[in-house]
Structures are given as structure tokens and as C-alpha cells.
N, C-alpha and C. Protein backbone atom coordinates (compact mmCIF):
# COMPACT_ATOMS: atom_id res chain seq x y z
N MET A 1 49.58 83.20 101.26
CA MET A 1 50.29 83.96 102.26
C MET A 1 49.33 84.26 103.40
N HIS A 2 49.81 84.17 104.61
CA HIS A 2 49.01 84.46 105.80
C HIS A 2 49.51 85.74 106.46
N ILE A 3 48.58 86.53 106.99
CA ILE A 3 48.93 87.75 107.72
C ILE A 3 48.41 87.61 109.14
N PHE A 4 49.31 87.87 110.09
CA PHE A 4 48.98 87.75 111.52
C PHE A 4 49.11 89.11 112.19
N ASN A 5 48.33 89.33 113.26
CA ASN A 5 48.48 90.56 114.03
C ASN A 5 49.59 90.37 115.07
N ARG A 6 49.82 91.37 115.90
CA ARG A 6 50.90 91.31 116.89
C ARG A 6 50.72 90.19 117.90
N GLU A 7 49.48 89.80 118.13
CA GLU A 7 49.20 88.72 119.08
C GLU A 7 49.31 87.34 118.44
N GLY A 8 49.65 87.30 117.17
CA GLY A 8 49.80 86.03 116.48
C GLY A 8 48.50 85.46 115.93
N GLN A 9 47.43 86.27 115.94
CA GLN A 9 46.15 85.81 115.41
C GLN A 9 46.11 86.01 113.90
N LEU A 10 45.62 85.00 113.21
CA LEU A 10 45.47 85.09 111.76
C LEU A 10 44.39 86.11 111.44
N ILE A 11 44.72 87.12 110.64
CA ILE A 11 43.72 88.14 110.31
C ILE A 11 43.42 88.20 108.81
N ALA A 12 44.26 87.58 107.97
CA ALA A 12 44.00 87.61 106.53
C ALA A 12 44.77 86.49 105.84
N ILE A 13 44.20 86.01 104.76
CA ILE A 13 44.87 85.05 103.89
C ILE A 13 44.82 85.62 102.48
N LEU A 14 45.97 85.75 101.86
CA LEU A 14 46.03 86.23 100.48
C LEU A 14 46.05 85.00 99.59
N GLY A 15 44.94 84.77 98.92
CA GLY A 15 44.75 83.52 98.18
C GLY A 15 45.29 83.52 96.77
N GLY A 16 45.82 84.65 96.31
CA GLY A 16 46.32 84.68 94.93
C GLY A 16 45.18 84.67 93.93
N ARG A 17 45.38 83.95 92.85
CA ARG A 17 44.35 83.82 91.83
C ARG A 17 44.44 82.45 91.22
N PRO A 18 43.35 81.98 90.64
CA PRO A 18 43.38 80.65 90.03
C PRO A 18 44.34 80.60 88.84
N GLU A 19 44.91 79.46 88.61
CA GLU A 19 45.74 79.24 87.43
C GLU A 19 44.80 78.87 86.28
N ASP A 20 44.08 79.86 85.81
CA ASP A 20 43.05 79.68 84.80
C ASP A 20 43.18 80.81 83.79
N LYS A 21 43.44 80.49 82.55
CA LYS A 21 43.64 81.51 81.53
C LYS A 21 42.40 82.37 81.30
N SER A 22 41.24 81.89 81.70
CA SER A 22 40.01 82.66 81.50
C SER A 22 39.74 83.63 82.65
N TRP A 23 40.55 83.62 83.70
CA TRP A 23 40.26 84.42 84.90
C TRP A 23 40.20 85.91 84.61
N GLN A 24 41.09 86.41 83.76
CA GLN A 24 41.07 87.83 83.42
C GLN A 24 39.75 88.20 82.74
N GLY A 25 39.22 87.32 81.91
CA GLY A 25 37.93 87.55 81.28
C GLY A 25 36.80 87.56 82.29
N VAL A 26 36.91 86.72 83.32
CA VAL A 26 35.91 86.69 84.40
C VAL A 26 35.92 88.04 85.12
N GLN A 27 37.10 88.59 85.34
CA GLN A 27 37.20 89.90 85.99
C GLN A 27 36.60 91.00 85.12
N ARG A 28 36.85 90.94 83.82
CA ARG A 28 36.25 91.94 82.91
C ARG A 28 34.73 91.81 82.89
N GLU A 29 34.25 90.58 82.92
CA GLU A 29 32.80 90.35 82.96
C GLU A 29 32.19 90.98 84.22
N ALA A 30 32.86 90.83 85.34
CA ALA A 30 32.38 91.41 86.59
C ALA A 30 32.29 92.93 86.48
N GLN A 31 33.29 93.54 85.85
CA GLN A 31 33.28 94.99 85.67
C GLN A 31 32.06 95.43 84.86
N VAL A 32 31.73 94.70 83.83
CA VAL A 32 30.56 95.00 83.01
C VAL A 32 29.28 94.91 83.86
N HIS A 33 29.18 93.88 84.69
CA HIS A 33 27.99 93.71 85.51
C HIS A 33 27.89 94.78 86.60
N PHE A 34 29.03 95.19 87.15
CA PHE A 34 29.00 96.29 88.12
C PHE A 34 28.49 97.57 87.46
N GLN A 35 28.95 97.83 86.25
CA GLN A 35 28.49 99.02 85.52
C GLN A 35 27.00 98.94 85.24
N GLU A 36 26.51 97.77 84.85
CA GLU A 36 25.08 97.58 84.60
C GLU A 36 24.28 97.83 85.87
N ALA A 37 24.76 97.31 87.00
CA ALA A 37 24.06 97.53 88.27
C ALA A 37 24.04 99.02 88.61
N GLN A 38 25.15 99.70 88.37
CA GLN A 38 25.19 101.14 88.65
C GLN A 38 24.21 101.88 87.76
N ASN A 39 24.11 101.49 86.50
CA ASN A 39 23.14 102.12 85.59
C ASN A 39 21.71 101.91 86.08
N ARG A 40 21.43 100.73 86.63
CA ARG A 40 20.10 100.45 87.16
C ARG A 40 19.79 101.29 88.39
N LEU A 41 20.82 101.77 89.04
CA LEU A 41 20.64 102.54 90.27
C LEU A 41 20.93 104.02 90.04
N SER A 42 20.57 104.52 88.88
CA SER A 42 20.93 105.89 88.50
C SER A 42 20.43 106.94 89.48
N ARG A 43 19.40 106.61 90.27
CA ARG A 43 18.90 107.61 91.22
C ARG A 43 19.76 107.70 92.48
N LEU A 44 20.63 106.73 92.71
CA LEU A 44 21.52 106.81 93.86
C LEU A 44 22.57 107.89 93.62
N LYS A 45 23.02 108.50 94.69
CA LYS A 45 24.07 109.51 94.55
C LYS A 45 25.35 108.83 94.10
N LYS A 46 25.90 109.32 93.00
CA LYS A 46 27.17 108.77 92.52
C LYS A 46 28.31 109.48 93.25
N GLY A 47 29.34 108.73 93.56
CA GLY A 47 30.50 109.33 94.20
C GLY A 47 30.27 109.70 95.64
N THR A 48 29.37 109.02 96.31
CA THR A 48 29.12 109.29 97.71
C THR A 48 30.41 109.10 98.50
N ILE A 49 30.70 110.02 99.41
CA ILE A 49 31.90 109.92 100.24
C ILE A 49 31.52 109.27 101.57
N HIS A 50 32.20 108.19 101.92
CA HIS A 50 31.98 107.51 103.19
C HIS A 50 33.33 107.01 103.69
N ARG A 51 33.35 106.25 104.76
CA ARG A 51 34.62 105.87 105.38
C ARG A 51 35.50 104.98 104.51
N HIS A 52 34.95 104.36 103.48
CA HIS A 52 35.74 103.48 102.62
C HIS A 52 36.23 104.17 101.35
N GLY A 53 35.74 105.36 101.07
CA GLY A 53 36.17 106.07 99.87
C GLY A 53 35.03 106.81 99.21
N LYS A 54 35.27 107.27 97.98
CA LYS A 54 34.28 108.06 97.24
C LYS A 54 33.70 107.20 96.12
N PHE A 55 32.66 106.44 96.44
CA PHE A 55 31.98 105.60 95.47
C PHE A 55 30.67 105.12 96.07
N SER A 56 29.77 104.70 95.20
CA SER A 56 28.48 104.18 95.65
C SER A 56 28.65 102.75 96.15
N THR A 57 27.81 102.34 97.08
CA THR A 57 27.90 100.99 97.63
C THR A 57 26.53 100.33 97.71
N LEU A 58 26.54 99.01 97.76
CA LEU A 58 25.36 98.20 98.05
C LEU A 58 25.76 97.24 99.17
N SER A 59 24.84 96.95 100.05
CA SER A 59 25.11 95.99 101.12
C SER A 59 24.44 94.67 100.80
N SER A 60 25.17 93.59 101.04
CA SER A 60 24.64 92.26 100.79
C SER A 60 25.31 91.29 101.73
N GLY A 61 24.59 90.28 102.15
CA GLY A 61 25.18 89.27 103.02
C GLY A 61 24.73 89.43 104.45
N VAL A 62 25.61 89.05 105.37
CA VAL A 62 25.29 89.02 106.79
C VAL A 62 26.02 90.14 107.50
N SER A 63 25.35 90.75 108.45
CA SER A 63 25.93 91.82 109.27
C SER A 63 25.75 91.47 110.74
N HIS A 64 26.73 91.87 111.56
CA HIS A 64 26.59 91.74 113.01
C HIS A 64 27.35 92.90 113.64
N GLY A 65 26.65 93.83 114.16
CA GLY A 65 27.26 95.00 114.76
C GLY A 65 26.27 96.13 114.83
N GLY A 66 26.71 97.27 115.32
CA GLY A 66 25.84 98.44 115.38
C GLY A 66 24.64 98.24 116.28
N GLY A 67 24.81 97.47 117.36
CA GLY A 67 23.72 97.24 118.30
C GLY A 67 22.91 95.98 118.06
N GLN A 68 23.18 95.28 116.98
CA GLN A 68 22.47 94.02 116.73
C GLN A 68 22.86 93.00 117.78
N ILE A 69 21.90 92.20 118.21
CA ILE A 69 22.21 91.18 119.22
C ILE A 69 22.52 89.82 118.59
N HIS A 70 22.29 89.69 117.29
CA HIS A 70 22.64 88.46 116.58
C HIS A 70 22.85 88.80 115.11
N PRO A 71 23.56 87.96 114.37
CA PRO A 71 23.77 88.22 112.94
C PRO A 71 22.45 88.27 112.18
N MET A 72 22.40 89.17 111.21
CA MET A 72 21.20 89.34 110.39
C MET A 72 21.61 89.61 108.95
N ASN A 73 20.74 89.22 108.01
CA ASN A 73 20.97 89.55 106.61
C ASN A 73 20.69 91.02 106.37
N PHE A 74 21.52 91.65 105.53
CA PHE A 74 21.23 93.02 105.11
C PHE A 74 19.90 93.03 104.38
N GLN A 75 19.15 94.09 104.55
CA GLN A 75 17.86 94.24 103.88
C GLN A 75 17.96 95.34 102.83
N ASN A 76 17.59 95.03 101.61
CA ASN A 76 17.53 96.02 100.54
C ASN A 76 16.11 96.01 99.99
N ARG A 77 15.69 97.14 99.49
CA ARG A 77 14.35 97.26 98.92
C ARG A 77 14.44 97.90 97.53
N GLY A 78 13.41 97.67 96.75
CA GLY A 78 13.29 98.34 95.46
C GLY A 78 14.46 98.07 94.53
N ARG A 79 14.97 99.15 93.94
CA ARG A 79 16.05 99.03 92.96
C ARG A 79 17.32 98.43 93.57
N ARG A 80 17.58 98.75 94.84
CA ARG A 80 18.76 98.18 95.49
C ARG A 80 18.64 96.66 95.58
N ALA A 81 17.48 96.16 95.96
CA ALA A 81 17.27 94.71 96.05
C ALA A 81 17.41 94.07 94.67
N GLU A 82 16.88 94.73 93.65
CA GLU A 82 17.00 94.20 92.29
C GLU A 82 18.46 94.16 91.85
N ALA A 83 19.22 95.20 92.16
CA ALA A 83 20.63 95.25 91.77
C ALA A 83 21.43 94.16 92.47
N VAL A 84 21.19 93.95 93.76
CA VAL A 84 21.90 92.90 94.51
C VAL A 84 21.54 91.53 93.92
N ALA A 85 20.27 91.30 93.65
CA ALA A 85 19.85 90.01 93.07
C ALA A 85 20.49 89.81 91.70
N TYR A 86 20.54 90.87 90.90
CA TYR A 86 21.17 90.79 89.58
C TYR A 86 22.65 90.39 89.72
N LEU A 87 23.39 91.09 90.57
CA LEU A 87 24.81 90.79 90.74
C LEU A 87 25.02 89.38 91.27
N ASN A 88 24.23 88.99 92.27
CA ASN A 88 24.38 87.67 92.87
C ASN A 88 24.05 86.54 91.90
N SER A 89 23.29 86.83 90.85
CA SER A 89 22.91 85.79 89.89
C SER A 89 23.96 85.57 88.80
N GLN A 90 24.96 86.44 88.72
CA GLN A 90 25.95 86.35 87.65
C GLN A 90 27.02 85.29 87.95
N GLN A 91 27.34 84.51 86.95
CA GLN A 91 28.29 83.41 87.10
C GLN A 91 29.67 83.90 87.56
N CYS A 92 30.10 85.06 87.10
CA CYS A 92 31.44 85.54 87.48
C CYS A 92 31.55 85.72 88.99
N PHE A 93 30.51 86.23 89.64
CA PHE A 93 30.56 86.44 91.08
C PHE A 93 30.47 85.11 91.83
N LYS A 94 29.77 84.17 91.25
CA LYS A 94 29.74 82.82 91.84
C LYS A 94 31.12 82.19 91.77
N ARG A 95 31.85 82.44 90.68
CA ARG A 95 33.21 81.91 90.57
C ARG A 95 34.13 82.58 91.59
N PHE A 96 33.98 83.89 91.78
CA PHE A 96 34.81 84.58 92.79
C PHE A 96 34.54 83.98 94.17
N ALA A 97 33.27 83.80 94.50
CA ALA A 97 32.91 83.26 95.81
C ALA A 97 33.43 81.83 95.98
N SER A 98 33.34 81.04 94.94
CA SER A 98 33.82 79.67 95.00
C SER A 98 35.33 79.63 95.22
N PHE A 99 36.06 80.49 94.50
CA PHE A 99 37.51 80.54 94.68
C PHE A 99 37.85 80.99 96.10
N GLY A 100 37.15 82.01 96.58
CA GLY A 100 37.40 82.47 97.96
C GLY A 100 37.14 81.40 98.99
N SER A 101 36.09 80.63 98.79
CA SER A 101 35.78 79.55 99.72
C SER A 101 36.86 78.46 99.70
N CYS A 102 37.37 78.18 98.51
CA CYS A 102 38.41 77.16 98.38
C CYS A 102 39.75 77.63 98.95
N ALA A 103 40.00 78.93 98.84
CA ALA A 103 41.28 79.48 99.32
C ALA A 103 41.35 79.34 100.82
């Protein structure tokens, strides 16, 4: 399904989910890894309130905004960097990314 704004510009694609009986298990696996990452970051404030809701966050990937003149990778240090590397190394998140790219 495609979602367009008033000007007719494509703003979102709802890709559904793979027709794979193991997909629900992949989602449960991701939940376990998110919990493990949160446990590794026990010194972070839990339940932080920000514009997206009341939960802790990690930044990963590319950012462009807030005065930046070109896209840049988010920078994490210490435990945050370790948690991002841990999550990015898990097969379940690679499968999510692969499905999103194919959609």
C-alpha cells in the first residue's frame, strides 16, 4: 500500500510482512535482543520522555539536519556504541533490514 500527501508525493509504503512462518519468531528474537541491549545500558535513564514518547533510545545510521551541511553517521561512544554494534550484529535485524530494502 502506498501513502501520498496532498501534493501527490509518495511519503510511505506499507510493505506488510513476509509470507514466512518463522517471521513471528524473528520478531520475538528481536524483542529479546532489545531487552539485552537495555540491560547493557542500565546507567541510561529508563523511561526518558522525548518527542517520540516515554522510552529510552539509541541513534544509529545516517543523520542530516540540525545545522549539518551534509549527511553524517550518528556517533556513539562507550556502552551506547557497544549496544548499537550488538544490535546491528544480530541476524533478526539483518532480516528486517533486508525485507525493508526489498519492499
